[in-house]
N, C-alpha and C. Protein backbone atom coordinates (compact mmCIF):
# COMPACT_ATOMS: atom_id res chain seq x y z
N MET A 1 106.74 131.46 160.62
CA MET A 1 105.89 130.28 160.60
C MET A 1 105.05 130.27 161.88
N LYS A 2 103.79 129.93 161.75
CA LYS A 2 102.85 129.88 162.86
C LYS A 2 103.18 128.69 163.77
N SER A 3 103.12 128.94 165.08
CA SER A 3 103.42 127.90 166.06
C SER A 3 102.25 126.91 166.15
N VAL A 4 102.58 125.63 166.33
CA VAL A 4 101.58 124.58 166.46
C VAL A 4 101.29 124.38 167.94
N ASP A 5 100.01 124.34 168.32
CA ASP A 5 99.61 124.09 169.70
C ASP A 5 99.71 122.58 169.96
N LEU A 6 100.81 122.17 170.59
CA LEU A 6 101.09 120.75 170.79
C LEU A 6 100.13 120.12 171.79
N GLY A 7 99.65 120.88 172.76
CA GLY A 7 98.67 120.35 173.71
C GLY A 7 97.37 120.01 173.01
N LEU A 8 96.94 120.90 172.13
CA LEU A 8 95.72 120.66 171.37
C LEU A 8 95.90 119.49 170.40
N LEU A 9 97.08 119.37 169.81
CA LEU A 9 97.37 118.25 168.92
C LEU A 9 97.26 116.94 169.68
N ASP A 10 97.81 116.86 170.88
CA ASP A 10 97.75 115.63 171.66
C ASP A 10 96.31 115.27 172.01
N VAL A 11 95.50 116.26 172.35
CA VAL A 11 94.08 116.01 172.64
C VAL A 11 93.39 115.45 171.40
N ALA A 12 93.66 116.04 170.23
CA ALA A 12 93.06 115.57 168.98
C ALA A 12 93.49 114.15 168.67
N LEU A 13 94.76 113.83 168.87
CA LEU A 13 95.27 112.48 168.60
C LEU A 13 94.61 111.44 169.51
N GLN A 14 94.35 111.80 170.75
CA GLN A 14 93.72 110.87 171.68
C GLN A 14 92.24 110.69 171.40
N ALA A 15 91.62 111.67 170.74
CA ALA A 15 90.18 111.61 170.49
C ALA A 15 89.83 111.10 169.10
N SER A 16 90.69 111.31 168.12
CA SER A 16 90.29 111.07 166.73
C SER A 16 91.49 110.70 165.87
N VAL A 17 91.30 110.85 164.57
CA VAL A 17 92.35 110.62 163.57
C VAL A 17 92.84 111.98 163.10
N VAL A 18 94.15 112.12 163.02
CA VAL A 18 94.77 113.39 162.65
C VAL A 18 95.65 113.18 161.42
N THR A 19 95.59 114.12 160.50
CA THR A 19 96.52 114.16 159.38
C THR A 19 97.51 115.26 159.68
N MET A 20 98.78 114.91 159.72
CA MET A 20 99.79 115.91 160.06
C MET A 20 100.93 115.90 159.07
N THR A 21 101.61 117.03 159.01
CA THR A 21 102.84 117.16 158.23
C THR A 21 103.93 117.53 159.22
N PHE A 22 105.05 116.81 159.15
CA PHE A 22 106.17 117.10 160.03
C PHE A 22 107.47 116.91 159.29
N THR A 23 108.53 117.42 159.88
CA THR A 23 109.86 117.28 159.31
C THR A 23 110.54 116.07 159.94
N LYS A 24 110.96 115.14 159.10
CA LYS A 24 111.66 113.93 159.57
C LYS A 24 113.09 114.29 159.99
N ALA A 25 113.73 113.36 160.67
CA ALA A 25 115.10 113.58 161.15
C ALA A 25 116.06 113.89 160.01
N ASP A 26 115.78 113.34 158.81
CA ASP A 26 116.66 113.59 157.67
C ASP A 26 116.37 114.91 156.96
N GLY A 27 115.38 115.67 157.47
CA GLY A 27 115.05 116.98 156.90
C GLY A 27 113.93 116.96 155.88
N SER A 28 113.51 115.78 155.45
CA SER A 28 112.41 115.69 154.49
C SER A 28 111.06 115.84 155.19
N LEU A 29 110.05 116.21 154.43
CA LEU A 29 108.70 116.35 154.97
C LEU A 29 107.95 115.05 154.84
N ARG A 30 107.09 114.77 155.80
CA ARG A 30 106.27 113.56 155.75
C ARG A 30 104.87 113.89 156.19
N ASP A 31 103.90 113.38 155.44
CA ASP A 31 102.49 113.44 155.83
C ASP A 31 102.15 112.12 156.48
N MET A 32 101.37 112.17 157.57
CA MET A 32 101.00 110.95 158.26
C MET A 32 99.56 111.07 158.76
N VAL A 33 98.80 110.00 158.57
CA VAL A 33 97.44 109.90 159.11
C VAL A 33 97.56 109.00 160.33
N CYS A 34 97.30 109.56 161.51
CA CYS A 34 97.63 108.83 162.72
C CYS A 34 96.66 109.11 163.86
N THR A 35 96.83 108.35 164.95
CA THR A 35 95.97 108.49 166.12
C THR A 35 96.66 107.91 167.34
N LYS A 36 96.15 108.28 168.51
CA LYS A 36 96.49 107.63 169.76
C LYS A 36 95.26 106.96 170.36
N ASN A 37 94.15 107.02 169.62
CA ASN A 37 92.87 106.47 170.08
C ASN A 37 92.82 104.99 169.71
N PHE A 38 92.79 104.13 170.74
CA PHE A 38 92.81 102.69 170.51
C PHE A 38 91.57 102.18 169.78
N ASP A 39 90.51 102.97 169.68
CA ASP A 39 89.33 102.57 168.91
C ASP A 39 89.67 102.40 167.43
N PHE A 40 90.75 103.06 166.97
CA PHE A 40 91.15 103.00 165.57
C PHE A 40 92.33 102.05 165.34
N VAL A 41 92.83 101.44 166.41
CA VAL A 41 93.99 100.55 166.33
C VAL A 41 93.52 99.10 166.33
N PRO A 42 93.95 98.29 165.37
CA PRO A 42 93.56 96.87 165.37
C PRO A 42 93.98 96.19 166.68
N ALA A 43 93.16 95.28 167.15
CA ALA A 43 93.44 94.59 168.42
C ALA A 43 94.81 93.92 168.39
N SER A 44 95.19 93.40 167.24
CA SER A 44 96.49 92.73 167.13
C SER A 44 97.67 93.69 167.27
N LYS A 45 97.42 94.98 167.15
CA LYS A 45 98.48 95.99 167.23
C LYS A 45 98.42 96.80 168.53
N THR A 46 97.48 96.46 169.42
CA THR A 46 97.36 97.20 170.67
C THR A 46 98.51 96.80 171.60
N PRO A 47 99.31 97.78 172.01
CA PRO A 47 100.45 97.45 172.87
C PRO A 47 100.05 97.32 174.34
N ALA A 48 100.90 96.69 175.11
CA ALA A 48 100.66 96.60 176.56
C ALA A 48 100.84 97.98 177.19
N SER A 49 101.75 98.78 176.64
CA SER A 49 101.96 100.14 177.11
C SER A 49 102.48 100.97 175.95
N VAL A 50 102.33 102.28 176.07
CA VAL A 50 102.81 103.21 175.04
C VAL A 50 103.81 104.14 175.68
N ARG A 51 104.97 104.22 175.07
CA ARG A 51 106.03 105.10 175.56
C ARG A 51 105.60 106.55 175.38
N THR A 52 105.86 107.35 176.38
CA THR A 52 105.56 108.77 176.29
C THR A 52 106.77 109.57 176.69
N GLY A 53 106.80 110.80 176.27
CA GLY A 53 107.90 111.68 176.63
C GLY A 53 107.73 113.03 175.97
N ARG A 54 108.52 113.98 176.42
CA ARG A 54 108.43 115.31 175.84
C ARG A 54 109.08 115.39 174.48
N ASP A 55 110.11 114.60 174.25
CA ASP A 55 110.87 114.72 173.02
C ASP A 55 110.34 113.85 171.89
N VAL A 56 109.53 112.83 172.23
CA VAL A 56 109.02 111.91 171.22
C VAL A 56 107.56 111.59 171.50
N SER A 57 106.77 111.57 170.45
CA SER A 57 105.37 111.17 170.56
C SER A 57 105.19 109.90 169.73
N VAL A 58 104.50 108.92 170.31
CA VAL A 58 104.25 107.65 169.62
C VAL A 58 102.79 107.61 169.21
N VAL A 59 102.55 107.32 167.92
CA VAL A 59 101.20 107.29 167.37
C VAL A 59 101.05 106.07 166.48
N PHE A 60 99.81 105.71 166.20
CA PHE A 60 99.54 104.61 165.27
C PHE A 60 99.30 105.22 163.89
N ASP A 61 100.14 104.84 162.93
CA ASP A 61 100.03 105.32 161.55
C ASP A 61 99.02 104.43 160.83
N LEU A 62 97.90 105.00 160.46
CA LEU A 62 96.81 104.23 159.85
C LEU A 62 97.10 103.82 158.41
N GLU A 63 98.05 104.46 157.77
CA GLU A 63 98.38 104.10 156.39
C GLU A 63 99.36 102.93 156.31
N VAL A 64 100.27 102.83 157.26
CA VAL A 64 101.22 101.72 157.27
C VAL A 64 100.82 100.64 158.28
N ASN A 65 99.75 100.92 159.02
CA ASN A 65 99.19 99.96 159.98
C ASN A 65 100.22 99.51 161.03
N ASP A 66 100.94 100.51 161.57
CA ASP A 66 101.93 100.20 162.60
C ASP A 66 102.24 101.47 163.39
N TRP A 67 102.95 101.28 164.49
CA TRP A 67 103.32 102.39 165.37
C TRP A 67 104.51 103.15 164.81
N ARG A 68 104.46 104.47 164.93
CA ARG A 68 105.54 105.36 164.48
C ARG A 68 105.75 106.43 165.55
N SER A 69 106.90 107.07 165.50
CA SER A 69 107.17 108.16 166.43
C SER A 69 107.62 109.39 165.65
N PHE A 70 107.46 110.54 166.30
CA PHE A 70 107.90 111.80 165.72
C PHE A 70 108.21 112.76 166.86
N LYS A 71 108.97 113.76 166.55
CA LYS A 71 109.25 114.81 167.54
C LYS A 71 108.13 115.85 167.43
N PRO A 72 107.40 116.09 168.51
CA PRO A 72 106.32 117.08 168.45
C PRO A 72 106.78 118.45 167.95
N SER A 73 108.00 118.81 168.26
CA SER A 73 108.52 120.11 167.81
C SER A 73 108.71 120.18 166.29
N SER A 74 108.67 119.02 165.61
CA SER A 74 108.86 118.99 164.16
C SER A 74 107.56 119.14 163.37
N VAL A 75 106.40 119.18 164.07
CA VAL A 75 105.11 119.26 163.39
C VAL A 75 104.94 120.64 162.76
N ILE A 76 104.59 120.65 161.49
CA ILE A 76 104.38 121.89 160.74
C ILE A 76 102.90 122.25 160.74
N SER A 77 102.04 121.26 160.50
CA SER A 77 100.60 121.50 160.47
C SER A 77 99.86 120.21 160.73
N TRP A 78 98.58 120.34 161.12
CA TRP A 78 97.75 119.17 161.35
C TRP A 78 96.27 119.54 161.26
N THR A 79 95.46 118.54 160.91
CA THR A 79 94.01 118.70 160.86
C THR A 79 93.37 117.39 161.34
N VAL A 80 92.15 117.52 161.87
CA VAL A 80 91.39 116.35 162.30
C VAL A 80 90.59 115.86 161.12
């Protein structure tokens, strides 16, 4: 399996909307349309701060209109 460039993924998430596929904790696959760019986040959902870390990435899921997290190492593919 081809390795995902997580640095490039983070840059894309901060700049735009990304569609990604990742493996959930239960082993199932999930597609998510998400961003870290506050231009795409409703004002009512803008947090005072966003948790960051190496093991978990927090993004705004545009389909469920709320914040979600995923393990960057679980990402299989992504596109802008």
